[in-house]
Protein backbone atom coordinates (compact mmCIF):
# COMPACT_ATOMS: atom_id res chain seq x y z
CA UNK A 1 0.02 -50.18 7.82
CA UNK A 2 -2.89 -50.54 5.40
CA UNK A 3 -4.53 -47.72 3.40
CA UNK A 4 -7.05 -47.34 6.25
CA UNK A 5 -4.49 -45.71 8.52
CA UNK A 6 -5.32 -42.22 7.33
CA UNK A 7 -9.10 -42.65 7.30
CA UNK A 8 -11.31 -40.93 9.85
CA UNK A 9 -13.42 -43.95 10.85
CA UNK A 10 -12.08 -46.56 13.24
CA UNK A 11 -15.23 -48.73 13.00
CA UNK A 12 -16.65 -50.35 9.86
CA UNK A 13 -20.02 -52.04 10.26
CA UNK A 14 -21.64 -54.51 7.81
CA UNK A 15 -25.02 -55.94 8.81
CA UNK A 16 -28.72 -56.26 8.07
CA UNK A 17 -31.39 -58.78 7.14
CA UNK A 18 -29.31 -60.12 4.25
CA UNK A 19 -26.55 -61.60 6.38
CA UNK A 20 -25.04 -63.40 3.39
CA UNK A 21 -24.40 -60.07 1.66
CA UNK A 22 -23.13 -58.48 4.87
CA UNK A 23 -20.62 -61.33 5.24
CA UNK A 24 -19.57 -60.99 1.60
CA UNK A 25 -18.89 -57.26 1.86
CA UNK A 26 -17.10 -57.63 5.20
CA UNK A 27 -14.87 -60.30 3.66
CA UNK A 28 -14.16 -58.17 0.58
CA UNK A 29 -13.37 -55.19 2.81
CA UNK A 30 -10.90 -57.20 4.89
CA UNK A 31 -9.25 -58.54 1.75
CA UNK A 32 -9.08 -55.20 -0.04
CA UNK A 33 -7.54 -53.44 2.94
CA UNK A 34 -5.25 -56.43 3.69
CA UNK A 35 -6.44 -56.41 7.29
CA UNK A 36 -6.27 -60.18 7.81
CA UNK A 37 -2.54 -60.04 7.07
CA UNK A 38 -1.99 -57.51 9.86
CA UNK A 39 0.11 -59.20 12.62
CA UNK A 40 -2.24 -57.77 15.27
CA UNK A 41 -5.41 -59.18 13.63
CA UNK A 42 -7.80 -60.75 16.15
CA UNK A 43 -11.17 -62.39 15.41
CA UNK A 44 -13.95 -62.56 18.02
CA UNK A 45 -17.21 -64.47 17.57
CA UNK A 46 -20.58 -62.86 18.24
CA UNK A 47 -22.85 -65.86 17.63
CA UNK A 48 -24.09 -66.14 21.23
CA UNK A 49 -27.06 -68.41 21.90
CA UNK A 50 -27.81 -67.00 25.36
CA UNK A 51 -27.69 -63.64 27.13
CA UNK A 52 -24.82 -64.78 29.37
CA UNK A 53 -22.80 -65.91 26.36
CA UNK A 54 -23.50 -62.61 24.54
CA UNK A 55 -22.33 -60.56 27.54
CA UNK A 56 -19.15 -62.67 27.74
CA UNK A 57 -18.42 -62.06 24.05
CA UNK A 58 -19.01 -58.31 24.40
CA UNK A 59 -16.65 -58.27 27.41
CA UNK A 60 -14.01 -60.11 25.39
CA UNK A 61 -14.39 -57.59 22.56
CA UNK A 62 -13.99 -54.68 24.98
CA UNK A 63 -10.80 -56.22 26.37
CA UNK A 64 -9.41 -56.78 22.87
CA UNK A 65 -10.06 -53.14 21.91
CA UNK A 66 -8.45 -51.80 25.09
CA UNK A 67 -5.46 -54.13 25.30
CA UNK A 68 -3.52 -52.66 22.39
CA UNK A 69 -1.26 -54.44 19.92
CA UNK A 70 1.56 -56.73 21.04
CA UNK A 71 3.60 -55.37 18.13
CA UNK A 72 3.39 -51.74 19.15
CA UNK A 73 1.38 -50.75 16.07
CA UNK A 74 -2.27 -50.36 15.21
CA UNK A 75 -4.56 -53.24 16.23
CA UNK A 76 -7.19 -54.87 13.98
CA UNK A 77 -10.24 -56.56 15.54
CA UNK A 78 -12.94 -58.45 13.63
CA UNK A 79 -16.24 -58.99 15.53
CA UNK A 80 -18.04 -61.52 13.34
CA UNK A 81 -21.47 -63.15 13.11
CA UNK A 82 -22.94 -60.79 15.69
CA UNK A 83 -26.54 -61.71 16.59
CA UNK A 84 -27.23 -59.59 19.68
CA UNK A 85 -28.19 -56.36 17.87
CA UNK A 86 -31.59 -57.36 16.51
CA UNK A 87 -35.14 -56.87 17.73
CA UNK A 88 -35.47 -60.53 18.73
CA UNK A 89 -33.52 -63.11 20.68
CA UNK A 90 -30.71 -62.39 23.14
CA UNK A 91 -30.42 -58.79 21.98
CA UNK A 92 -33.57 -57.88 23.93
CA UNK A 93 -32.16 -59.05 27.28
CA UNK A 94 -31.49 -56.25 29.79
CA UNK A 95 -28.01 -57.55 30.60
CA UNK A 96 -27.03 -57.53 26.91
CA UNK A 97 -28.34 -53.97 26.44
CA UNK A 98 -26.29 -52.81 29.42
CA UNK A 99 -23.17 -54.55 28.09
CA UNK A 100 -23.64 -52.85 24.70
CA UNK A 101 -24.02 -49.44 26.35
CA UNK A 102 -20.76 -50.05 28.23
CA UNK A 103 -19.09 -51.12 24.98
CA UNK A 104 -20.32 -47.94 23.30
CA UNK A 105 -18.21 -45.85 25.66
CA UNK A 106 -15.12 -47.69 24.42
CA UNK A 107 -16.13 -47.43 20.76
CA UNK A 108 -16.57 -43.67 20.98
CA UNK A 109 -12.94 -43.34 22.05
CA UNK A 110 -11.37 -45.43 19.29
CA UNK A 111 -8.88 -43.72 16.98
CA UNK A 112 -8.24 -45.20 13.51
CA UNK A 113 -4.47 -44.88 13.83
CA UNK A 114 -4.62 -47.09 16.95
CA UNK A 115 -7.50 -49.54 16.38
CA UNK A 116 -9.58 -50.70 13.40
CA UNK A 117 -12.77 -52.57 14.31
CA UNK A 118 -14.75 -54.42 11.64
CA UNK A 119 -18.19 -55.66 12.69
CA UNK A 120 -20.19 -58.20 10.66
CA UNK A 121 -23.72 -58.72 11.99
CA UNK A 122 -27.10 -60.13 11.09
CA UNK A 123 -30.41 -58.30 11.47
CA UNK A 124 -30.25 -55.14 13.56
CA UNK A 125 -32.80 -52.97 15.35
CA UNK A 126 -32.06 -49.45 14.14
CA UNK A 127 -34.32 -47.95 16.82
CA UNK A 128 -31.91 -48.90 19.57
CA UNK A 129 -29.60 -46.31 21.07
CA UNK A 130 -26.54 -48.46 20.34
CA UNK A 131 -27.22 -48.51 16.59
CA UNK A 132 -28.12 -44.81 16.44
CA UNK A 133 -24.84 -43.90 18.12
CA UNK A 134 -22.91 -46.35 15.97
CA UNK A 135 -24.15 -44.55 12.85
CA UNK A 136 -22.69 -41.34 14.26
CA UNK A 137 -19.17 -42.68 14.86
CA UNK A 138 -18.80 -45.53 12.35
CA UNK A 139 -18.99 -46.34 8.66
CA UNK A 140 -22.25 -48.33 8.55
CA UNK A 141 -23.65 -50.43 5.69
CA UNK A 142 -26.93 -52.30 6.10
CA UNK A 143 -28.11 -54.85 3.53
CA UNK A 144 -31.72 -55.80 2.75
CA UNK A 145 -32.69 -58.89 0.71
CA UNK A 146 -32.79 -58.49 -3.04
CA UNK A 147 -36.33 -59.87 -2.90
CA UNK A 148 -37.44 -56.73 -1.02
CA UNK A 149 -36.19 -54.41 -3.77
CA UNK A 150 -39.26 -52.64 -5.19
CA UNK A 151 -37.48 -51.42 -8.31
CA UNK A 152 -37.21 -54.27 -10.79
CA UNK A 153 -34.70 -52.31 -12.87
CA UNK A 154 -32.35 -52.00 -9.87
CA UNK A 155 -32.76 -55.67 -8.98
CA UNK A 156 -32.03 -56.81 -12.53
CA UNK A 157 -29.14 -54.35 -12.69
CA UNK A 158 -27.59 -56.01 -9.65
CA UNK A 159 -28.07 -59.45 -11.23
CA UNK A 160 -26.32 -58.18 -14.36
CA UNK A 161 -23.44 -56.74 -12.32
CA UNK A 162 -22.93 -60.01 -10.48
CA UNK A 163 -22.82 -61.80 -13.81
CA UNK A 164 -20.18 -59.39 -15.12
CA UNK A 165 -18.09 -60.01 -12.01
CA UNK A 166 -17.95 -63.66 -13.08
CA UNK A 167 -17.02 -62.75 -16.65
CA UNK A 168 -20.49 -63.45 -18.06
CA UNK A 169 -22.38 -61.27 -20.52
CA UNK A 170 -25.87 -60.55 -19.14
CA UNK A 171 -28.97 -60.51 -21.31
CA UNK A 172 -32.44 -59.48 -20.25
CA UNK A 173 -33.69 -63.06 -20.41
CA UNK A 174 -30.81 -64.44 -18.36
CA UNK A 175 -31.19 -61.75 -15.70
CA UNK A 176 -34.94 -62.36 -15.46
CA UNK A 177 -34.47 -66.12 -15.25
CA UNK A 178 -31.74 -65.83 -12.62
CA UNK A 179 -33.84 -63.45 -10.53
CA UNK A 180 -36.91 -65.70 -10.69
CA UNK A 181 -34.93 -68.89 -10.06
CA UNK A 182 -33.10 -67.40 -7.07
CA UNK A 183 -36.27 -66.11 -5.43
CA UNK A 184 -34.42 -62.86 -4.75
CA UNK A 185 -31.90 -64.61 -2.45
CA UNK A 186 -28.38 -63.44 -3.19
CA UNK A 187 -26.73 -66.62 -1.94
CA UNK A 188 -28.80 -68.77 -4.29
CA UNK A 189 -28.28 -66.21 -7.05
CA UNK A 190 -24.50 -66.47 -6.75
CA UNK A 191 -24.79 -70.26 -6.77
CA UNK A 192 -26.79 -70.15 -10.00
CA UNK A 193 -24.33 -67.74 -11.60
CA UNK A 194 -21.51 -70.11 -10.59
CA UNK A 195 -23.34 -72.98 -12.32
CA UNK A 196 -23.86 -70.81 -15.38
CA UNK A 197 -20.21 -69.79 -15.53
CA UNK A 198 -19.11 -73.44 -15.36
CA UNK A 199 -21.60 -74.33 -18.09
CA UNK A 200 -20.23 -71.62 -20.37
CA UNK A 201 -16.56 -72.17 -19.44
CA UNK A 202 -15.76 -74.02 -22.65
CA UNK A 203 -17.38 -71.32 -24.82
CA UNK A 204 -20.25 -73.58 -25.86
CA UNK A 205 -23.16 -71.79 -27.53
CA UNK A 206 -26.10 -71.18 -25.23
CA UNK A 207 -28.96 -73.61 -25.93
CA UNK A 208 -32.25 -72.25 -24.62
CA UNK A 209 -33.62 -75.60 -23.43
CA UNK A 210 -30.40 -76.50 -21.60
CA UNK A 211 -30.31 -73.11 -19.90
CA UNK A 212 -33.94 -73.44 -18.90
CA UNK A 213 -33.15 -76.69 -17.10
CA UNK A 214 -29.85 -75.41 -15.72
CA UNK A 215 -31.38 -72.36 -14.07
CA UNK A 216 -34.13 -74.26 -12.36
CA UNK A 217 -33.38 -74.03 -8.68
CA UNK A 218 -36.68 -74.57 -6.96
CA UNK A 219 -40.31 -74.83 -7.98
CA UNK A 220 -40.84 -71.12 -8.67
CA UNK A 221 -38.77 -71.30 -11.85
CA UNK A 222 -40.67 -74.43 -12.98
CA UNK A 223 -43.97 -72.66 -12.31
CA UNK A 224 -42.77 -69.83 -14.55
CA UNK A 225 -41.90 -72.30 -17.34
CA UNK A 226 -45.23 -74.08 -16.89
CA UNK A 227 -47.19 -70.84 -17.31
CA UNK A 228 -45.12 -69.89 -20.37
CA UNK A 229 -45.83 -73.28 -21.93
CA UNK A 230 -49.59 -72.92 -21.38
CA UNK A 231 -49.73 -69.43 -22.90
CA UNK A 232 -47.61 -70.62 -25.82
CA UNK A 233 -50.02 -73.52 -26.44
CA UNK A 234 -47.26 -76.13 -25.96
CA UNK A 235 -49.44 -78.98 -24.77
CA UNK A 236 -46.86 -81.73 -24.12
CA UNK A 237 -44.43 -79.31 -22.47
CA UNK A 238 -47.15 -77.82 -20.24
CA UNK A 239 -48.35 -81.25 -19.11
CA UNK A 240 -44.77 -82.37 -18.47
CA UNK A 241 -44.06 -79.30 -16.34
CA UNK A 242 -47.31 -79.80 -14.45
CA UNK A 243 -46.40 -83.41 -13.70
CA UNK A 244 -43.00 -82.36 -12.33
CA UNK A 245 -44.60 -79.71 -10.11
CA UNK A 246 -47.25 -82.05 -8.71
CA UNK A 247 -44.69 -84.78 -8.03
CA UNK A 248 -42.69 -82.42 -5.84
CA UNK A 249 -45.81 -81.50 -3.87
CA UNK A 250 -46.77 -78.15 -5.39
CA UNK A 251 -50.30 -77.00 -4.49
CA UNK A 252 -52.87 -77.19 -7.30
CA UNK A 253 -54.53 -74.02 -5.99
CA UNK A 254 -51.19 -72.16 -5.97
CA UNK A 255 -50.51 -73.32 -9.55
CA UNK A 256 -53.95 -72.19 -10.67
CA UNK A 257 -53.42 -68.75 -9.13
CA UNK A 258 -49.99 -68.41 -10.79
CA UNK A 259 -51.46 -69.44 -14.14
CA UNK A 260 -54.32 -66.99 -13.63
CA UNK A 261 -51.83 -64.14 -13.13
CA UNK A 262 -50.00 -65.12 -16.31
CA UNK A 263 -53.21 -65.32 -18.35
CA UNK A 264 -54.38 -61.99 -16.93
CA UNK A 265 -51.09 -60.53 -18.19
CA UNK A 266 -51.74 -62.13 -21.59
CA UNK A 267 -55.29 -60.74 -21.73
CA UNK A 268 -54.26 -57.22 -20.78
CA UNK A 269 -51.14 -57.26 -22.96
CA UNK A 270 -52.99 -58.48 -26.04
CA UNK A 271 -55.75 -55.91 -25.45
CA UNK A 272 -53.15 -53.12 -25.36
CA UNK A 273 -51.51 -54.60 -28.46
CA UNK A 274 -54.85 -54.75 -30.34
CA UNK A 275 -55.47 -51.12 -29.37
CA UNK A 276 -52.11 -50.09 -30.84
CA UNK A 277 -50.76 -49.10 -27.44
CA UNK A 278 -48.12 -51.83 -27.29
CA UNK A 279 -45.40 -52.31 -29.88
CA UNK A 280 -43.07 -55.30 -29.88
CA UNK A 281 -39.41 -54.82 -30.67
CA UNK A 282 -36.75 -57.47 -31.06
CA UNK A 283 -37.43 -61.13 -31.72
CA UNK A 284 -37.19 -64.57 -30.14
CA UNK A 285 -35.74 -64.44 -26.63
CA UNK A 286 -35.05 -60.71 -26.95
CA UNK A 287 -38.56 -59.42 -27.69
CA UNK A 288 -39.57 -56.40 -25.62
CA UNK A 289 -42.84 -54.48 -25.22
CA UNK A 290 -42.93 -50.72 -25.63
CA UNK A 291 -46.10 -49.19 -24.14
CA UNK A 292 -47.43 -45.92 -25.60
CA UNK A 293 -48.30 -43.05 -23.28
CA UNK A 294 -52.03 -43.75 -23.78
CA UNK A 295 -51.57 -47.24 -22.38
CA UNK A 296 -49.42 -46.38 -19.38
CA UNK A 297 -52.41 -46.15 -17.06
CA UNK A 298 -53.27 -49.75 -17.96
CA UNK A 299 -49.70 -51.04 -17.75
CA UNK A 300 -49.84 -54.27 -15.71
CA UNK A 301 -48.51 -54.29 -12.17
CA UNK A 302 -47.22 -57.02 -9.89
CA UNK A 303 -48.61 -57.72 -6.42
CA UNK A 304 -45.89 -55.45 -5.01
CA UNK A 305 -47.19 -52.55 -7.09
CA UNK A 306 -44.10 -52.52 -9.33
CA UNK A 307 -44.74 -52.65 -13.08
CA UNK A 308 -44.11 -55.85 -15.00
CA UNK A 309 -40.83 -55.70 -16.89
CA UNK A 310 -41.03 -54.77 -20.61
CA UNK A 311 -39.27 -58.05 -21.41
CA UNK A 312 -41.78 -60.18 -19.48
CA UNK A 313 -44.72 -58.32 -21.02
CA UNK A 314 -43.18 -58.56 -24.50
CA UNK A 315 -42.53 -62.31 -24.22
CA UNK A 316 -46.09 -62.88 -23.00
CA UNK A 317 -47.73 -60.76 -25.72
CA UNK A 318 -45.57 -62.36 -28.44
CA UNK A 319 -46.71 -65.83 -27.31
CA UNK A 320 -50.36 -64.84 -26.77
CA UNK A 321 -51.19 -62.49 -29.67
CA UNK A 322 -52.37 -65.27 -31.99
CA UNK A 323 -55.52 -65.32 -29.85
CA UNK A 324 -57.72 -62.26 -29.39
CA UNK A 325 -57.91 -60.58 -25.99
CA UNK A 326 -61.50 -61.77 -25.57
CA UNK A 327 -60.46 -65.42 -25.69
CA UNK A 328 -57.87 -64.79 -22.96
CA UNK A 329 -60.58 -63.15 -20.86
CA UNK A 330 -62.69 -66.29 -21.36
CA UNK A 331 -59.71 -68.37 -20.24
CA UNK A 332 -59.62 -66.35 -17.04
CA UNK A 333 -63.30 -67.12 -16.44
CA UNK A 334 -62.58 -70.81 -17.02
CA UNK A 335 -59.84 -70.75 -14.36
CA UNK A 336 -62.09 -68.82 -11.97
CA UNK A 337 -64.73 -71.54 -12.28
CA UNK A 338 -62.10 -74.24 -11.71
CA UNK A 339 -60.90 -72.37 -8.60
CA UNK A 340 -64.47 -72.25 -7.26
CA UNK A 341 -64.90 -75.99 -7.79
CA UNK A 342 -61.54 -76.77 -6.17
CA UNK A 343 -62.46 -74.74 -3.09
CA UNK A 344 -65.73 -76.67 -2.78
CA UNK A 345 -63.81 -79.90 -2.28
CA UNK A 346 -63.19 -83.00 -4.30
CA UNK A 347 -60.08 -84.10 -6.16
CA UNK A 348 -58.15 -80.87 -6.79
CA UNK A 349 -55.61 -82.41 -9.18
CA UNK A 350 -58.28 -83.82 -11.49
CA UNK A 351 -60.23 -80.54 -11.51
CA UNK A 352 -57.06 -78.59 -12.28
CA UNK A 353 -55.98 -80.97 -15.06
CA UNK A 354 -59.46 -80.83 -16.64
CA UNK A 355 -59.43 -77.02 -16.57
CA UNK A 356 -55.97 -77.00 -18.13
CA UNK A 357 -57.00 -79.39 -20.91
CA UNK A 358 -60.08 -77.27 -21.68
CA UNK A 359 -57.91 -74.17 -21.80
CA UNK A 360 -55.40 -75.77 -24.16
CA UNK A 361 -58.21 -77.13 -26.35
CA UNK A 362 -59.69 -73.63 -26.61
CA UNK A 363 -56.29 -72.40 -27.79
CA UNK A 364 -56.14 -74.97 -30.58
CA UNK A 365 -59.68 -74.12 -31.70
CA UNK A 366 -59.09 -70.35 -31.75
CA UNK A 367 -55.62 -70.57 -33.38
């Protein structure tokens, strides 16, 4: 008997759009409760590719739940990789819906001292009667992608917690870099943290340039480094990053828009700093912006509506404050003109490179 024997719920459901996280929590639950070691443990697949296959799997699950344990004790059933509960695919077939309704009758009669059912599923349609009833009788956990989290503080907090689980000490910069590099995908995030933990396994000191390269896992992180290099006036680094992005097929228009967002942040941040409404604390990689109450109404926002993190704003202002806000506004106008020319046709790469060189030359002149 595991510690679950005295609990009131016979069914434990892990599912949602973030199937990777649902699988991870289902696995941890099975391990923590030692359910896989139970002699009556039985695993049933739910990865049906057709309605007929889904109905057959549901029938097999029903039989497993009703057959009882061969050992005369409580039975443990794991229904894994279930894909018939969503709003698309086989889950919308009439035969599957009827099979689920029939299964629901069995689930409502389960007693935790006799049967423990663990369900691990992908995306689910919470409007369906099956899911509504399941919430009433089961312990249900649904997982959404980290990328859909509107609170940046919560997202970065989760990144920090995952780092601590691997024995790493999180910093604001590392959490930001991991979040950006992962694209908000937890599976990629865990992979990056694994790489980081191996890199730091021999207690080597963290070298910023090495970490910057290590945490690149996709073009989004390189775009971030490219924009940082431009705002910091690092000509050779910016051109090198641009070359890498273009070689891997990144769109010149997309790069221009990303750079425009970064320069807009620089213009607004420096304007707030010149007005005395932003104060920088910390130094180097740990600089952070503190915005006075008078400047909160102007605090920059992301496309999602969430505010830019104090660390990102601080790093941008620290790199950009050697130029006045007006010059950053002029840089925005320069990029807007380049965007107009690129949309009119012609060689986009040449137009973008010329605009970038003009921007960097302006920085040298005004510095």
